[in-house]
Amino acid sequence: MWRTVALLLFKPGELTRQYLAGRRRHYVLPLRLYLTVSLLALVLVRLVATAELAIEGPERATPPRPAQAQIALGPGRAGLKDGVFFCQDLPAWLCQRLKKRIDVDAKGMTDQLERFNDRFLGNLGGAMFVLLPIFALWLKLAYYNRRMRYTEHLVFALHLHAFWFLVVALFTTGIDALIALGMLVLPVYSLLAARRVYGGRWGVTLLRGLVIALAYGLTLSLGLALVALWAYLA
């Protein structure tokens, strides 16, 4: 594991090249590496994550009523504003159901958001595991001229996502400098890894990287929105 992680961290894309070249005996298999790293990262996230609830103004109601509380569900939001329920950019049927679910009691609202937080994180790992093959599909389409098998793109996707989860674990420190470093490292590492695995000129690599980032970004946003919706309505 340590040999595998060291190669993954310090030589972007080399772990994938070694695997595709058949040199696999000294390294953890891609799927096992991804599952191990993602599990540890999500455990760390779950330990440090907290549900946020904004309570403003005097507590005049009995029981206390939060003046401000909201939850984001993809592009839309719902919650309480000045003690009044609101629902924006969400279907009407969903707004009606959310209105029934929202408890105006401060303690009840806090518990509800905490339960949402737990359910969301509990389903996040499974959602990412489902979305990962879609990322490999985008790679297959972007690098169609390489004539590589889908499983080879999937190996690269597993290694790249494993690195991304290592960076997510770094984010749990809450240190601004480390978070900024991680945000900078993510795209740079991904481009370096892609060029090492697929080759090609830098200009074409950047263009393909941008297309893949846009496509997967939309896929990821939709997937996480569905997870959030499921977690809240479950």
Protein backbone atom coordinates (compact mmCIF):
# COMPACT_ATOMS: atom_id res chain seq x y z
CA MET A 1 0.00 0.00 0.00
CA TRP A 2 2.73 2.50 0.92
CA ARG A 3 4.64 1.82 -2.32
CA THR A 4 1.42 2.28 -4.27
CA VAL A 5 0.40 5.51 -2.53
CA ALA A 6 3.91 6.97 -2.89
CA LEU A 7 3.86 6.34 -6.64
CA LEU A 8 0.32 7.68 -6.89
CA LEU A 9 1.22 10.90 -5.07
CA PHE A 10 4.57 11.80 -6.54
CA LYS A 11 4.43 10.53 -10.14
CA PRO A 12 1.05 11.44 -11.66
CA GLY A 13 -0.18 8.77 -14.03
CA GLU A 14 2.79 6.43 -13.52
CA LEU A 15 0.78 3.96 -11.44
CA THR A 16 -1.66 3.57 -14.33
CA ARG A 17 1.19 3.14 -16.82
CA GLN A 18 2.76 0.45 -14.65
CA TYR A 19 -0.55 -1.41 -14.38
CA LEU A 20 -1.32 -1.22 -18.12
CA ALA A 21 2.23 -2.41 -18.88
CA GLY A 22 1.58 -5.54 -16.79
CA ARG A 23 3.84 -4.62 -13.85
CA ARG A 24 1.25 -5.22 -11.13
CA ARG A 25 2.77 -7.54 -8.54
CA HIS A 26 4.19 -4.80 -6.31
CA TYR A 27 1.15 -2.52 -6.32
CA VAL A 28 -2.36 -2.61 -4.88
CA LEU A 29 -5.03 -3.37 -7.47
CA PRO A 30 -6.86 -0.23 -8.72
CA LEU A 31 -10.28 -1.12 -7.35
CA ARG A 32 -8.90 -2.12 -3.95
CA LEU A 33 -6.85 1.08 -3.79
CA TYR A 34 -9.86 3.22 -4.64
CA LEU A 35 -12.14 1.53 -2.13
CA THR A 36 -9.56 1.76 0.66
CA VAL A 37 -8.68 5.41 0.09
CA SER A 38 -12.27 6.56 -0.50
CA LEU A 39 -13.49 4.76 2.62
CA LEU A 40 -10.83 6.36 4.81
CA ALA A 41 -11.46 9.80 3.31
CA LEU A 42 -15.22 9.56 3.80
CA VAL A 43 -14.75 8.41 7.39
CA LEU A 44 -12.62 11.51 8.04
CA VAL A 45 -15.20 13.73 6.36
CA ARG A 46 -17.95 12.18 8.43
CA LEU A 47 -16.02 12.75 11.64
CA VAL A 48 -15.44 16.46 11.02
CA ALA A 49 -18.59 17.36 9.09
CA THR A 50 -21.27 19.30 10.95
CA ALA A 51 -24.69 20.41 9.92
CA GLU A 52 -25.04 24.17 9.73
CA LEU A 53 -28.05 25.91 11.16
CA ALA A 54 -28.30 29.68 11.34
CA ILE A 55 -30.50 30.94 14.17
CA GLU A 56 -30.95 34.69 14.34
CA GLY A 57 -32.96 37.07 16.42
CA PRO A 58 -34.63 36.64 19.82
CA GLU A 59 -36.30 33.36 20.54
CA ARG A 60 -39.81 34.69 21.01
CA ALA A 61 -41.75 31.58 20.15
CA THR A 62 -42.30 28.63 22.44
CA PRO A 63 -40.73 26.31 21.51
CA PRO A 64 -38.01 28.52 19.96
CA ARG A 65 -38.44 29.15 16.23
CA PRO A 66 -35.38 29.64 14.01
CA ALA A 67 -35.54 32.84 11.96
CA GLN A 68 -33.13 31.57 9.30
CA ALA A 69 -32.49 27.97 8.24
CA GLN A 70 -31.97 26.55 4.79
CA ILE A 71 -30.82 23.47 2.96
CA ALA A 72 -29.46 23.24 -0.60
CA LEU A 73 -30.75 20.58 -2.98
CA GLY A 74 -28.71 20.92 -6.15
CA PRO A 75 -29.61 24.21 -7.88
CA GLY A 76 -32.52 24.93 -5.53
CA ARG A 77 -32.90 25.91 -1.90
CA ALA A 78 -35.58 25.54 0.71
CA GLY A 79 -35.94 26.46 4.35
CA LEU A 80 -37.02 29.31 6.60
CA LYS A 81 -36.45 33.03 6.06
CA ASP A 82 -37.59 35.36 8.83
CA GLY A 83 -39.48 32.40 10.19
CA VAL A 84 -41.39 31.85 6.91
CA PHE A 85 -40.98 28.81 4.68
CA PHE A 86 -39.49 29.45 1.22
CA CYS A 87 -38.64 27.22 -1.73
CA GLN A 88 -36.68 28.38 -4.79
CA ASP A 89 -35.77 26.74 -8.10
CA LEU A 90 -37.41 23.44 -7.16
CA PRO A 91 -40.52 21.71 -8.58
CA ALA A 92 -43.84 22.65 -6.98
CA TRP A 93 -44.53 19.09 -5.79
CA LEU A 94 -41.15 18.98 -4.10
CA CYS A 95 -41.72 22.34 -2.41
CA GLN A 96 -45.00 21.08 -1.00
CA ARG A 97 -43.38 17.94 0.35
CA LEU A 98 -40.49 19.86 1.85
CA LYS A 99 -42.89 22.26 3.54
CA LYS A 100 -44.53 19.32 5.29
CA ARG A 101 -41.14 17.95 6.36
CA ILE A 102 -39.68 21.13 7.79
CA ASP A 103 -40.13 21.43 11.53
CA VAL A 104 -40.17 25.00 12.82
CA ASP A 105 -38.94 23.89 16.23
CA ALA A 106 -35.27 24.93 16.59
CA LYS A 107 -34.13 21.66 18.17
CA GLY A 108 -36.18 19.62 15.72
CA MET A 109 -34.72 21.57 12.80
CA THR A 110 -31.18 20.98 14.06
CA ASP A 111 -31.81 17.26 14.46
CA GLN A 112 -33.34 17.13 10.99
CA LEU A 113 -30.33 18.77 9.37
CA GLU A 114 -27.97 16.50 11.28
CA ARG A 115 -29.88 13.46 10.06
CA PHE A 116 -29.69 14.84 6.53
CA ASN A 117 -25.93 15.31 6.94
CA ASP A 118 -25.49 11.69 8.08
CA ARG A 119 -27.69 10.30 5.31
CA PHE A 120 -25.96 12.38 2.65
CA LEU A 121 -22.46 11.29 3.68
CA GLY A 122 -23.66 7.72 4.08
CA ASN A 123 -24.80 7.65 0.44
CA LEU A 124 -21.93 9.71 -0.97
CA GLY A 125 -19.51 6.81 -1.30
CA GLY A 126 -22.01 4.71 -3.22
CA ALA A 127 -22.88 7.62 -5.50
CA MET A 128 -19.23 8.27 -6.34
CA PHE A 129 -18.75 4.57 -7.09
CA VAL A 130 -21.61 4.80 -9.59
CA LEU A 131 -20.36 8.05 -11.13
CA LEU A 132 -16.78 6.83 -11.56
CA PRO A 133 -17.57 4.57 -14.57
CA ILE A 134 -19.26 7.58 -16.21
CA PHE A 135 -15.99 9.49 -15.82
CA ALA A 136 -14.23 6.60 -17.55
CA LEU A 137 -16.80 6.86 -20.35
CA TRP A 138 -15.99 10.56 -20.82
CA LEU A 139 -12.32 9.58 -21.01
CA LYS A 140 -13.14 6.95 -23.62
CA LEU A 141 -14.95 9.52 -25.75
CA ALA A 142 -12.33 12.24 -25.33
CA TYR A 143 -9.47 9.87 -26.19
CA TYR A 144 -11.33 7.80 -28.74
CA ASN A 145 -8.42 8.02 -31.20
CA ARG A 146 -6.16 6.18 -28.74
CA ARG A 147 -8.05 2.93 -29.40
CA MET A 148 -7.79 1.95 -25.74
CA ARG A 149 -10.24 -0.44 -24.13
CA TYR A 150 -12.83 0.97 -21.75
CA THR A 151 -11.31 -1.02 -18.87
CA GLU A 152 -7.99 0.79 -19.40
CA HIS A 153 -9.74 4.14 -19.05
CA LEU A 154 -11.47 2.75 -15.95
CA VAL A 155 -8.10 1.90 -14.37
CA PHE A 156 -6.96 5.49 -14.88
CA ALA A 157 -10.28 6.75 -13.47
CA LEU A 158 -9.85 4.60 -10.35
CA HIS A 159 -6.31 5.86 -9.76
CA LEU A 160 -7.27 9.49 -10.37
CA HIS A 161 -10.29 9.31 -8.06
CA ALA A 162 -8.14 7.70 -5.39
CA PHE A 163 -5.83 10.71 -5.56
CA TRP A 164 -8.82 13.07 -5.42
CA PHE A 165 -10.05 11.36 -2.26
CA LEU A 166 -6.60 11.79 -0.70
CA VAL A 167 -6.93 15.51 -1.37
CA VAL A 168 -10.44 15.46 0.15
CA ALA A 169 -8.88 13.96 3.29
CA LEU A 170 -6.49 16.93 3.28
CA PHE A 171 -9.48 19.29 3.22
CA THR A 172 -10.74 17.86 6.51
CA THR A 173 -7.86 19.58 8.33
CA GLY A 174 -9.69 22.89 7.96
CA ILE A 175 -6.37 24.68 7.38
CA ASP A 176 -6.92 27.36 4.73
CA ALA A 177 -3.41 27.08 3.29
CA LEU A 178 -3.75 23.30 2.82
CA ILE A 179 -7.20 23.67 1.29
CA ALA A 180 -5.91 26.28 -1.18
CA LEU A 181 -2.98 24.01 -2.01
CA GLY A 182 -5.33 21.10 -2.61
CA MET A 183 -7.54 23.16 -4.93
CA LEU A 184 -4.47 24.10 -6.95
CA VAL A 185 -3.03 20.59 -7.02
CA LEU A 186 -6.23 18.89 -8.24
CA PRO A 187 -6.30 20.23 -11.83
CA VAL A 188 -2.50 20.31 -12.21
CA TYR A 189 -2.12 16.70 -11.07
CA SER A 190 -5.00 15.54 -13.26
CA LEU A 191 -3.49 17.11 -16.39
CA LEU A 192 -0.03 15.72 -15.64
CA ALA A 193 -1.48 12.26 -15.07
CA ALA A 194 -3.53 12.39 -18.27
CA ARG A 195 -0.53 13.44 -20.35
CA ARG A 196 1.65 10.70 -18.88
CA VAL A 197 -0.98 8.02 -19.60
CA TYR A 198 -2.36 9.23 -22.94
CA GLY A 199 0.49 11.31 -24.34
CA GLY A 200 -0.12 14.07 -26.86
CA ARG A 201 0.69 17.77 -27.06
CA TRP A 202 -0.01 20.04 -24.12
CA GLY A 203 -2.53 22.16 -26.03
CA VAL A 204 -4.64 19.16 -26.97
CA THR A 205 -4.33 17.75 -23.44
CA LEU A 206 -5.59 21.03 -21.98
CA LEU A 207 -8.51 21.14 -24.41
CA ARG A 208 -9.50 17.56 -23.68
CA GLY A 209 -9.12 18.18 -19.97
CA LEU A 210 -11.47 21.15 -20.18
CA VAL A 211 -14.10 19.15 -22.07
CA ILE A 212 -13.89 16.25 -19.62
CA ALA A 213 -14.04 18.64 -16.65
CA LEU A 214 -17.20 20.29 -17.98
CA ALA A 215 -18.90 17.00 -18.82
CA TYR A 216 -18.01 15.33 -15.55
CA GLY A 217 -18.77 18.49 -13.58
CA LEU A 218 -22.34 18.43 -14.87
CA THR A 219 -22.59 14.70 -14.19
CA LEU A 220 -21.22 15.14 -10.68
CA SER A 221 -23.55 18.06 -9.91
CA LEU A 222 -26.60 16.09 -11.01
CA GLY A 223 -25.48 13.02 -9.08
CA LEU A 224 -24.84 14.91 -5.85
CA ALA A 225 -28.16 16.76 -6.20
CA LEU A 226 -29.96 13.41 -6.46
CA VAL A 227 -28.07 12.10 -3.42
CA ALA A 228 -29.04 15.23 -1.46
CA LEU A 229 -32.66 14.87 -2.52
CA TRP A 230 -32.71 11.20 -1.53
CA ALA A 231 -31.07 11.97 1.81
CA TYR A 232 -33.61 14.64 2.65
CA LEU A 233 -36.71 12.83 1.52
CA ALA A 234 -35.73 9.36 2.77
